[in-house]
């Protein structure tokens, strides 16, 4: 199979999906970023807003401090994972993130 565009690649950190809807506090958003990245700063504003409004915990990860994350995501940052699966990269849509966390 031919290589897929980075936009369509999925993380190997996917979690097992279930048919049951998760409560907001059971979700986790991860923002993978690096210092000095203006797109990362913009993404963090969106993540903080949406997660704060929905009560979803989030964490920030710095690719300069994690070799594995750097190898996997260095050309895509910022990257947003939802429950361990890649949700988006470069630009974060507030509407799309809200929808993903509400489903």
PDB file of N, CA and C in Angstrom:
ATOM      1  N   UNK A   1       0.845  -1.181   0.000  1.00  0.00           N
ATOM      2  CA  UNK A   1       0.000   0.000   0.000  1.00  0.00           C
ATOM      3  C   UNK A   1       0.890   1.244   0.000  1.00  0.00           C
ATOM      4  N   UNK A   2       0.544   2.214  -0.794  1.00  0.00           N
ATOM      5  CA  UNK A   2       1.338   3.439  -0.892  1.00  0.00           C
ATOM      6  C   UNK A   2       1.278   4.220   0.408  1.00  0.00           C
ATOM      7  N   UNK A   3       2.324   5.006   0.664  1.00  0.00           N
ATOM      8  CA  UNK A   3       2.333   5.860   1.846  1.00  0.00           C
ATOM      9  C   UNK A   3       1.174   6.827   1.772  1.00  0.00           C
ATOM     10  N   UNK A   4       0.557   7.037   2.919  1.00  0.00           N
ATOM     11  CA  UNK A   4      -0.566   7.961   2.992  1.00  0.00           C
ATOM     12  C   UNK A   4      -0.064   9.324   3.426  1.00  0.00           C
ATOM     13  N   UNK A   5      -0.780  10.337   3.043  1.00  0.00           N
ATOM     14  CA  UNK A   5      -0.478  11.690   3.481  1.00  0.00           C
ATOM     15  C   UNK A   5      -0.454  11.719   5.000  1.00  0.00           C
ATOM     16  N   UNK A   6       0.414  12.562   5.610  1.00  0.00           N
ATOM     17  CA  UNK A   6       0.441  12.654   7.070  1.00  0.00           C
ATOM     18  C   UNK A   6      -0.916  13.006   7.658  1.00  0.00           C
ATOM     19  N   UNK A   7      -1.742  13.697   6.886  1.00  0.00           N
ATOM     20  CA  UNK A   7      -3.051  14.088   7.382  1.00  0.00           C
ATOM     21  C   UNK A   7      -3.912  12.869   7.702  1.00  0.00           C
ATOM     22  N   UNK A   8      -3.664  11.752   6.998  1.00  0.00           N
ATOM     23  CA  UNK A   8      -4.506  10.589   7.168  1.00  0.00           C
ATOM     24  C   UNK A   8      -3.849   9.469   7.964  1.00  0.00           C
ATOM     25  N   UNK A   9      -2.599   9.678   8.380  1.00  0.00           N
ATOM     26  CA  UNK A   9      -1.950   8.679   9.221  1.00  0.00           C
ATOM     27  C   UNK A   9      -2.562   8.685  10.605  1.00  0.00           C
ATOM     28  N   UNK A  10      -2.614   7.560  11.206  1.00  0.00           N
ATOM     29  CA  UNK A  10      -3.141   7.433  12.561  1.00  0.00           C
ATOM     30  C   UNK A  10      -2.011   7.062  13.498  1.00  0.00           C
ATOM     31  N   UNK A  11      -2.151   7.486  14.722  1.00  0.00           N
ATOM     32  CA  UNK A  11      -1.147   7.178  15.731  1.00  0.00           C
ATOM     33  C   UNK A  11      -1.240   5.716  16.141  1.00  0.00           C
ATOM     34  N   UNK A  12      -0.114   5.133  16.472  1.00  0.00           N
ATOM     35  CA  UNK A  12      -0.108   3.777  17.002  1.00  0.00           C
ATOM     36  C   UNK A  12      -0.579   3.757  18.452  1.00  0.00           C
ATOM     37  N   UNK A  13      -0.807   4.939  19.013  1.00  0.00           N
ATOM     38  CA  UNK A  13      -1.237   5.029  20.405  1.00  0.00           C
ATOM     39  C   UNK A  13      -2.762   4.985  20.532  1.00  0.00           C
ATOM     40  N   UNK A  14      -3.427   4.494  19.515  1.00  0.00           N
ATOM     41  CA  UNK A  14      -4.884   4.441  19.552  1.00  0.00           C
ATOM     42  C   UNK A  14      -5.360   3.614  20.739  1.00  0.00           C
ATOM     43  N   UNK A  15      -6.467   4.014  21.272  1.00  0.00           N
ATOM     44  CA  UNK A  15      -7.061   3.258  22.352  1.00  0.00           C
ATOM     45  C   UNK A  15      -8.213   2.447  21.798  1.00  0.00           C
ATOM     46  N   UNK A  16      -8.584   1.408  22.504  1.00  0.00           N
ATOM     47  CA  UNK A  16      -9.678   0.564  22.079  1.00  0.00           C
ATOM     48  C   UNK A  16     -10.986   1.339  22.143  1.00  0.00           C
ATOM     49  N   UNK A  17     -11.748   1.291  21.061  1.00  0.00           N
ATOM     50  CA  UNK A  17     -13.019   2.009  21.015  1.00  0.00           C
ATOM     51  C   UNK A  17     -14.130   1.113  21.552  1.00  0.00           C
ATOM     52  N   UNK A  18     -15.076   1.743  22.174  1.00  0.00           N
ATOM     53  CA  UNK A  18     -16.254   1.028  22.648  1.00  0.00           C
ATOM     54  C   UNK A  18     -17.475   1.752  22.130  1.00  0.00           C
ATOM     55  N   UNK A  19     -18.620   1.092  22.190  1.00  0.00           N
ATOM     56  CA  UNK A  19     -19.861   1.706  21.745  1.00  0.00           C
ATOM     57  C   UNK A  19     -20.412   2.663  22.788  1.00  0.00           C
ATOM     58  N   UNK A  20     -19.891   2.632  23.979  1.00  0.00           N
ATOM     59  CA  UNK A  20     -20.391   3.486  25.049  1.00  0.00           C
ATOM     60  C   UNK A  20     -19.725   4.849  24.980  1.00  0.00           C
ATOM     61  N   UNK A  21     -20.516   5.888  25.164  1.00  0.00           N
ATOM     62  CA  UNK A  21     -19.992   7.248  25.175  1.00  0.00           C
ATOM     63  C   UNK A  21     -19.227   7.484  26.475  1.00  0.00           C
ATOM     64  N   UNK A  22     -18.044   8.067  26.358  1.00  0.00           N
ATOM     65  CA  UNK A  22     -17.241   8.350  27.538  1.00  0.00           C
ATOM     66  C   UNK A  22     -17.674   9.666  28.159  1.00  0.00           C
ATOM     67  N   UNK A  23     -17.633   9.713  29.481  1.00  0.00           N
ATOM     68  CA  UNK A  23     -17.890  10.957  30.198  1.00  0.00           C
ATOM     69  C   UNK A  23     -16.702  11.888  29.957  1.00  0.00           C
ATOM     70  N   UNK A  24     -16.920  13.227  29.985  1.00  0.00           N
ATOM     71  CA  UNK A  24     -15.820  14.156  29.728  1.00  0.00           C
ATOM     72  C   UNK A  24     -14.581  13.905  30.580  1.00  0.00           C
ATOM     73  N   UNK A  25     -14.746  13.591  31.836  1.00  0.00           N
ATOM     74  CA  UNK A  25     -13.583  13.397  32.712  1.00  0.00           C
ATOM     75  C   UNK A  25     -12.821  12.111  32.371  1.00  0.00           C
ATOM     76  N   UNK A  26     -13.428  11.231  31.547  1.00  0.00           N
ATOM     77  CA  UNK A  26     -12.769   9.995  31.129  1.00  0.00           C
ATOM     78  C   UNK A  26     -12.014  10.169  29.810  1.00  0.00           C
ATOM     79  N   UNK A  27     -12.152  11.320  29.196  1.00  0.00           N
ATOM     80  CA  UNK A  27     -11.469  11.619  27.938  1.00  0.00           C
ATOM     81  C   UNK A  27     -10.106  12.234  28.262  1.00  0.00           C
ATOM     82  N   UNK A  28      -9.239  12.302  27.282  1.00  0.00           N
ATOM     83  CA  UNK A  28      -7.965  12.988  27.454  1.00  0.00           C
ATOM     84  C   UNK A  28      -7.535  13.576  26.115  1.00  0.00           C
ATOM     85  N   UNK A  29      -7.258  14.861  26.138  1.00  0.00           N
ATOM     86  CA  UNK A  29      -6.717  15.540  24.968  1.00  0.00           C
ATOM     87  C   UNK A  29      -5.238  15.785  25.242  1.00  0.00           C
ATOM     88  N   UNK A  30      -4.411  15.460  24.270  1.00  0.00           N
ATOM     89  CA  UNK A  30      -2.977  15.685  24.371  1.00  0.00           C
ATOM     90  C   UNK A  30      -2.560  16.638  23.261  1.00  0.00           C
ATOM     91  N   UNK A  31      -1.903  17.718  23.652  1.00  0.00           N
ATOM     92  CA  UNK A  31      -1.371  18.675  22.694  1.00  0.00           C
ATOM     93  C   UNK A  31       0.136  18.468  22.612  1.00  0.00           C
ATOM     94  N   UNK A  32       0.593  18.039  21.447  1.00  0.00           N
ATOM     95  CA  UNK A  32       2.022  17.831  21.232  1.00  0.00           C
ATOM     96  C   UNK A  32       2.548  19.094  20.554  1.00  0.00           C
ATOM     97  N   UNK A  33       3.542  19.715  21.183  1.00  0.00           N
ATOM     98  CA  UNK A  33       4.013  21.025  20.746  1.00  0.00           C
ATOM     99  C   UNK A  33       5.497  21.183  20.995  1.00  0.00           C
ATOM    100  N   UNK A  34       6.029  22.356  20.666  1.00  0.00           N
ATOM    101  CA  UNK A  34       7.402  22.681  21.014  1.00  0.00           C
ATOM    102  C   UNK A  34       7.452  24.158  21.387  1.00  0.00           C
ATOM    103  N   UNK A  35       8.420  24.541  22.180  1.00  0.00           N
ATOM    104  CA  UNK A  35       8.558  25.938  22.586  1.00  0.00           C
ATOM    105  C   UNK A  35       8.811  26.844  21.381  1.00  0.00           C
ATOM    106  N   UNK A  36       8.257  28.057  21.434  1.00  0.00           N
ATOM    107  CA  UNK A  36       8.488  29.042  20.390  1.00  0.00           C
ATOM    108  C   UNK A  36       7.678  28.847  19.124  1.00  0.00           C
ATOM    109  N   UNK A  37       6.727  27.957  19.145  1.00  0.00           N
ATOM    110  CA  UNK A  37       5.904  27.652  17.970  1.00  0.00           C
ATOM    111  C   UNK A  37       4.592  28.434  18.068  1.00  0.00           C
ATOM    112  N   UNK A  38       4.389  29.404  17.172  1.00  0.00           N
ATOM    113  CA  UNK A  38       3.172  30.218  17.244  1.00  0.00           C
ATOM    114  C   UNK A  38       1.918  29.411  16.939  1.00  0.00           C
ATOM    115  N   UNK A  39       1.995  28.420  16.051  1.00  0.00           N
ATOM    116  CA  UNK A  39       0.835  27.562  15.797  1.00  0.00           C
ATOM    117  C   UNK A  39       0.493  26.741  17.045  1.00  0.00           C
ATOM    118  N   UNK A  40       1.519  26.353  17.786  1.00  0.00           N
ATOM    119  CA  UNK A  40       1.306  25.601  19.026  1.00  0.00           C
ATOM    120  C   UNK A  40       0.601  26.474  20.064  1.00  0.00           C
ATOM    121  N   UNK A  41       1.011  27.730  20.143  1.00  0.00           N
ATOM    122  CA  UNK A  41       0.357  28.664  21.064  1.00  0.00           C
ATOM    123  C   UNK A  41      -1.112  28.845  20.693  1.00  0.00           C
ATOM    124  N   UNK A  42      -1.394  28.991  19.390  1.00  0.00           N
ATOM    125  CA  UNK A  42      -2.777  29.127  18.929  1.00  0.00           C
ATOM    126  C   UNK A  42      -3.585  27.866  19.252  1.00  0.00           C
ATOM    127  N   UNK A  43      -2.985  26.700  19.028  1.00  0.00           N
ATOM    128  CA  UNK A  43      -3.660  25.437  19.306  1.00  0.00           C
ATOM    129  C   UNK A  43      -3.968  25.305  20.793  1.00  0.00           C
ATOM    130  N   UNK A  44      -3.038  25.731  21.643  1.00  0.00           N
ATOM    131  CA  UNK A  44      -3.250  25.620  23.082  1.00  0.00           C
ATOM    132  C   UNK A  44      -4.437  26.470  23.528  1.00  0.00           C
ATOM    133  N   UNK A  45      -4.611  27.637  22.937  1.00  0.00           N
ATOM    134  CA  UNK A  45      -5.756  28.493  23.277  1.00  0.00           C
ATOM    135  C   UNK A  45      -7.063  27.748  22.995  1.00  0.00           C
ATOM    136  N   UNK A  46      -7.136  27.095  21.836  1.00  0.00           N
ATOM    137  CA  UNK A  46      -8.344  26.358  21.462  1.00  0.00           C
ATOM    138  C   UNK A  46      -8.552  25.164  22.394  1.00  0.00           C
ATOM    139  N   UNK A  47      -7.495  24.402  22.633  1.00  0.00           N
ATOM    140  CA  UNK A  47      -7.591  23.222  23.503  1.00  0.00           C
ATOM    141  C   UNK A  47      -8.025  23.629  24.908  1.00  0.00           C
ATOM    142  N   UNK A  48      -7.410  24.652  25.463  1.00  0.00           N
ATOM    143  CA  UNK A  48      -7.790  25.114  26.808  1.00  0.00           C
ATOM    144  C   UNK A  48      -9.252  25.538  26.861  1.00  0.00           C
ATOM    145  N   UNK A  49      -9.696  26.266  25.862  1.00  0.00           N
ATOM    146  CA  UNK A  49     -11.080  26.747  25.835  1.00  0.00           C
ATOM    147  C   UNK A  49     -12.072  25.596  25.756  1.00  0.00           C
ATOM    148  N   UNK A  50     -11.909  24.734  24.758  1.00  0.00           N
ATOM    149  CA  UNK A  50     -12.856  23.639  24.544  1.00  0.00           C
ATOM    150  C   UNK A  50     -12.836  22.659  25.704  1.00  0.00           C
ATOM    151  N   UNK A  51     -11.651  22.266  26.143  1.00  0.00           N
ATOM    152  CA  UNK A  51     -11.559  21.304  27.253  1.00  0.00           C
ATOM    153  C   UNK A  51     -12.102  21.916  28.536  1.00  0.00           C
ATOM    154  N   UNK A  52     -11.827  23.183  28.768  1.00  0.00           N
ATOM    155  CA  UNK A  52     -12.339  23.859  29.951  1.00  0.00           C
ATOM    156  C   UNK A  52     -13.851  23.911  29.967  1.00  0.00           C
ATOM    157  N   UNK A  53     -14.445  24.228  28.833  1.00  0.00           N
ATOM    158  CA  UNK A  53     -15.905  24.313  28.746  1.00  0.00           C
ATOM    159  C   UNK A  53     -16.571  22.954  28.889  1.00  0.00           C
ATOM    160  N   UNK A  54     -15.930  21.900  28.378  1.00  0.00           N
ATOM    161  CA  UNK A  54     -16.529  20.562  28.414  1.00  0.00           C
ATOM    162  C   UNK A  54     -16.103  19.740  29.630  1.00  0.00           C
ATOM    163  N   UNK A  55     -15.142  20.237  30.391  1.00  0.00           N
ATOM    164  CA  UNK A  55     -14.654  19.494  31.554  1.00  0.00           C
ATOM    165  C   UNK A  55     -13.778  18.317  31.192  1.00  0.00           C
ATOM    166  N   UNK A  56     -13.080  18.429  30.078  1.00  0.00           N
ATOM    167  CA  UNK A  56     -12.205  17.354  29.609  1.00  0.00           C
ATOM    168  C   UNK A  56     -10.766  17.669  30.011  1.00  0.00           C
ATOM    169  N   UNK A  57     -10.074  16.750  30.643  1.00  0.00           N
ATOM    170  CA  UNK A  57      -8.670  17.000  30.989  1.00  0.00           C
ATOM    171  C   UNK A  57      -7.800  17.025  29.732  1.00  0.00           C
ATOM    172  N   UNK A  58      -6.733  17.810  29.816  1.00  0.00           N
ATOM    173  CA  UNK A  58      -5.788  17.848  28.708  1.00  0.00           C
ATOM    174  C   UNK A  58      -4.378  17.940  29.261  1.00  0.00           C
ATOM    175  N   UNK A  59      -3.432  17.544  28.425  1.00  0.00           N
ATOM    176  CA  UNK A  59      -2.028  17.612  28.802  1.00  0.00           C
ATOM    177  C   UNK A  59      -1.227  18.139  27.621  1.00  0.00           C
ATOM    178  N   UNK A  60      -0.130  18.783  27.927  1.00  0.00           N
ATOM    179  CA  UNK A  60       0.788  19.248  26.900  1.00  0.00           C
ATOM    180  C   UNK A  60       2.038  18.388  26.912  1.00  0.00           C
ATOM    181  N   UNK A  61       2.529  18.055  25.737  1.00  0.00           N
ATOM    182  CA  UNK A  61       3.763  17.271  25.610  1.00  0.00           C
ATOM    183  C   UNK A  61       4.709  18.041  24.700  1.00  0.00           C
ATOM    184  N   UNK A  62       5.970  18.117  25.078  1.00  0.00           N
ATOM    185  CA  UNK A  62       6.986  18.871  24.361  1.00  0.00           C
ATOM    186  C   UNK A  62       7.842  17.903  23.548  1.00  0.00           C
ATOM    187  N   UNK A  63       7.835  18.062  22.209  1.00  0.00           N
ATOM    188  CA  UNK A  63       8.608  17.131  21.382  1.00  0.00           C
ATOM    189  C   UNK A  63      10.113  17.282  21.573  1.00  0.00           C
ATOM    190  N   UNK A  64      10.547  18.406  22.122  1.00  0.00           N
ATOM    191  CA  UNK A  64      11.986  18.567  22.350  1.00  0.00           C
ATOM    192  C   UNK A  64      12.443  17.778  23.572  1.00  0.00           C
ATOM    193  N   UNK A  65      11.503  17.272  24.351  1.00  0.00           N
ATOM    194  CA  UNK A  65      11.823  16.510  25.552  1.00  0.00           C
ATOM    195  C   UNK A  65      11.531  15.014  25.395  1.00  0.00           C
ATOM    196  N   UNK A  66      11.059  14.601  24.212  1.00  0.00           N
ATOM    197  CA  UNK A  66      10.662  13.204  24.012  1.00  0.00           C
ATOM    198  C   UNK A  66      11.063  12.775  22.602  1.00  0.00           C
ATOM    199  N   UNK A  67      12.097  11.961  22.505  1.00  0.00           N
ATOM    200  CA  UNK A  67      12.640  11.555  21.210  1.00  0.00           C
ATOM    201  C   UNK A  67      11.613  10.822  20.351  1.00  0.00           C
ATOM    202  N   UNK A  68      10.812   9.972  20.953  1.00  0.00           N
ATOM    203  CA  UNK A  68       9.804   9.222  20.196  1.00  0.00           C
ATOM    204  C   UNK A  68       8.753  10.161  19.597  1.00  0.00           C
ATOM    205  N   UNK A  69       8.271  11.107  20.408  1.00  0.00           N
ATOM    206  CA  UNK A  69       7.296  12.076  19.892  1.00  0.00           C
ATOM    207  C   UNK A  69       7.927  12.921  18.784  1.00  0.00           C
ATOM    208  N   UNK A  70       9.181  13.304  18.963  1.00  0.00           N
ATOM    209  CA  UNK A  70       9.872  14.105  17.955  1.00  0.00           C
ATOM    210  C   UNK A  70       9.951  13.340  16.635  1.00  0.00           C
ATOM    211  N   UNK A  71      10.343  12.089  16.705  1.00  0.00           N
ATOM    212  CA  UNK A  71      10.455  11.260  15.505  1.00  0.00           C
ATOM    213  C   UNK A  71       9.104  11.151  14.785  1.00  0.00           C
ATOM    214  N   UNK A  72       8.053  10.957  15.538  1.00  0.00           N
ATOM    215  CA  UNK A  72       6.741  10.714  14.941  1.00  0.00           C
ATOM    216  C   UNK A  72       6.046  11.988  14.443  1.00  0.00           C
ATOM    217  N   UNK A  73       6.225  13.096  15.153  1.00  0.00           N
ATOM    218  CA  UNK A  73       5.403  14.268  14.864  1.00  0.00           C
ATOM    219  C   UNK A  73       6.157  15.528  14.467  1.00  0.00           C
ATOM    220  N   UNK A  74       7.476  15.522  14.337  1.00  0.00           N
ATOM    221  CA  UNK A  74       8.236  16.761  14.165  1.00  0.00           C
ATOM    222  C   UNK A  74       7.769  17.628  13.006  1.00  0.00           C
ATOM    223  N   UNK A  75       7.249  17.034  11.933  1.00  0.00           N
ATOM    224  CA  UNK A  75       6.814  17.866  10.809  1.00  0.00           C
ATOM    225  C   UNK A  75       5.327  18.175  10.832  1.00  0.00           C
ATOM    226  N   UNK A  76       4.643  17.801  11.896  1.00  0.00           N
ATOM    227  CA  UNK A  76       3.206  18.033  11.973  1.00  0.00           C
ATOM    228  C   UNK A  76       2.789  18.972  13.097  1.00  0.00           C
ATOM    229  N   UNK A  77       3.672  19.336  13.998  1.00  0.00           N
ATOM    230  CA  UNK A  77       3.248  20.067  15.184  1.00  0.00           C
ATOM    231  C   UNK A  77       2.590  21.400  14.841  1.00  0.00           C
ATOM    232  N   UNK A  78       1.646  21.809  15.639  1.00  0.00           N
ATOM    233  CA  UNK A  78       1.103  21.100  16.792  1.00  0.00           C
ATOM    234  C   UNK A  78       0.212  19.945  16.351  1.00  0.00           C
ATOM    235  N   UNK A  79       0.187  18.915  17.171  1.00  0.00           N
ATOM    236  CA  UNK A  79      -0.651  17.742  16.938  1.00  0.00           C
ATOM    237  C   UNK A  79      -1.566  17.593  18.142  1.00  0.00           C
ATOM    238  N   UNK A  80      -2.828  17.282  17.877  1.00  0.00           N
ATOM    239  CA  UNK A  80      -3.785  17.042  18.950  1.00  0.00           C
ATOM    240  C   UNK A  80      -4.220  15.582  18.887  1.00  0.00           C
ATOM    241  N   UNK A  81      -4.089  14.908  20.019  1.00  0.00           N
ATOM    242  CA  UNK A  81      -4.582  13.540  20.162  1.00  0.00           C
ATOM    243  C   UNK A  81      -5.822  13.580  21.041  1.00  0.00           C
ATOM    244  N   UNK A  82      -6.804  12.779  20.705  1.00  0.00           N
ATOM    245  CA  UNK A  82      -7.984  12.619  21.552  1.00  0.00           C
ATOM    246  C   UNK A  82      -8.016  11.155  21.961  1.00  0.00           C
ATOM    247  N   UNK A  83      -7.908  10.915  23.241  1.00  0.00           N
ATOM    248  CA  UNK A  83      -7.864   9.556  23.781  1.00  0.00           C
ATOM    249  C   UNK A  83      -6.781   8.720  23.108  1.00  0.00           C
ATOM    250  N   UNK A  84      -5.641   9.350  22.814  1.00  0.00           N
ATOM    251  CA  UNK A  84      -4.494   8.639  22.268  1.00  0.00           C
ATOM    252  C   UNK A  84      -4.454   8.516  20.760  1.00  0.00           C
ATOM    253  N   UNK A  85      -5.535   8.877  20.061  1.00  0.00           N
ATOM    254  CA  UNK A  85      -5.573   8.788  18.605  1.00  0.00           C
ATOM    255  C   UNK A  85      -5.419  10.187  18.011  1.00  0.00           C
ATOM    256  N   UNK A  86      -4.681  10.278  16.923  1.00  0.00           N
ATOM    257  CA  UNK A  86      -4.469  11.582  16.312  1.00  0.00           C
ATOM    258  C   UNK A  86      -5.786  12.163  15.818  1.00  0.00           C
ATOM    259  N   UNK A  87      -6.072  13.374  16.280  1.00  0.00           N
ATOM    260  CA  UNK A  87      -7.292  14.084  15.893  1.00  0.00           C
ATOM    261  C   UNK A  87      -6.996  15.070  14.771  1.00  0.00           C
ATOM    262  N   UNK A  88      -5.939  15.861  14.907  1.00  0.00           N
ATOM    263  CA  UNK A  88      -5.603  16.865  13.905  1.00  0.00           C
ATOM    264  C   UNK A  88      -4.170  17.327  14.097  1.00  0.00           C
ATOM    265  N   UNK A  89      -3.712  18.152  13.164  1.00  0.00           N
ATOM    266  CA  UNK A  89      -2.403  18.778  13.299  1.00  0.00           C
ATOM    267  C   UNK A  89      -2.410  20.117  12.583  1.00  0.00           C
ATOM    268  N   UNK A  90      -1.394  20.903  12.845  1.00  0.00           N
ATOM    269  CA  UNK A  90      -1.170  22.261  12.344  1.00  0.00           C
ATOM    270  C   UNK A  90      -2.198  23.251  12.864  1.00  0.00           C
ATOM    271  N   UNK A  91      -3.421  23.202  12.418  1.00  0.00           N
ATOM    272  CA  UNK A  91      -4.459  24.144  12.862  1.00  0.00           C
ATOM    273  C   UNK A  91      -5.571  23.364  13.551  1.00  0.00           C
ATOM    274  N   UNK A  92      -5.984  23.858  14.714  1.00  0.00           N
ATOM    275  CA  UNK A  92      -6.999  23.166  15.501  1.00  0.00           C
ATOM    276  C   UNK A  92      -8.321  23.906  15.353  1.00  0.00           C
ATOM    277  N   UNK A  93      -9.340  23.195  14.891  1.00  0.00           N
ATOM    278  CA  UNK A  93     -10.673  23.761  14.755  1.00  0.00           C
ATOM    279  C   UNK A  93     -11.439  23.568  16.056  1.00  0.00           C
ATOM    280  N   UNK A  94     -11.876  24.686  16.636  1.00  0.00           N
ATOM    281  CA  UNK A  94     -12.648  24.612  17.870  1.00  0.00           C
ATOM    282  C   UNK A  94     -13.902  23.767  17.671  1.00  0.00           C
ATOM    283  N   UNK A  95     -14.606  23.982  16.583  1.00  0.00           N
ATOM    284  CA  UNK A  95     -15.841  23.244  16.307  1.00  0.00           C
ATOM    285  C   UNK A  95     -15.595  21.743  16.158  1.00  0.00           C
ATOM    286  N   UNK A  96     -14.553  21.393  15.413  1.00  0.00           N
ATOM    287  CA  UNK A  96     -14.243  19.976  15.191  1.00  0.00           C
ATOM    288  C   UNK A  96     -13.806  19.281  16.477  1.00  0.00           C
ATOM    289  N   UNK A  97     -12.995  19.959  17.281  1.00  0.00           N
ATOM    290  CA  UNK A  97     -12.561  19.370  18.550  1.00  0.00           C
ATOM    291  C   UNK A  97     -13.752  19.197  19.487  1.00  0.00           C
ATOM    292  N   UNK A  98     -14.601  20.201  19.563  1.00  0.00           N
ATOM    293  CA  UNK A  98     -15.797  20.114  20.414  1.00  0.00           C
ATOM    294  C   UNK A  98     -16.670  18.932  19.987  1.00  0.00           C
ATOM    295  N   UNK A  99     -16.848  18.761  18.694  1.00  0.00           N
ATOM    296  CA  UNK A  99     -17.665  17.651  18.176  1.00  0.00           C
ATOM    297  C   UNK A  99     -17.048  16.296  18.523  1.00  0.00           C
ATOM    298  N   UNK A 100     -15.734  16.194  18.362  1.00  0.00           N
ATOM    299  CA  UNK A 100     -15.047  14.929  18.683  1.00  0.00           C
ATOM    300  C   UNK A 100     -15.180  14.582  20.163  1.00  0.00           C
ATOM    301  N   UNK A 101     -15.145  15.594  21.019  1.00  0.00           N
ATOM    302  CA  UNK A 101     -15.215  15.333  22.458  1.00  0.00           C
ATOM    303  C   UNK A 101     -16.639  15.138  22.939  1.00  0.00           C
ATOM    304  N   UNK A 102     -17.605  15.532  22.132  1.00  0.00           N
ATOM    305  CA  UNK A 102     -19.009  15.395  22.504  1.00  0.00           C
ATOM    306  C   UNK A 102     -19.628  14.120  21.986  1.00  0.00           C
ATOM    307  N   UNK A 103     -18.913  13.416  21.116  1.00  0.00           N
ATOM    308  CA  UNK A 103     -19.475  12.194  20.536  1.00  0.00           C
ATOM    309  C   UNK A 103     -19.043  10.959  21.296  1.00  0.00           C
TER     310      UNK A 103
END
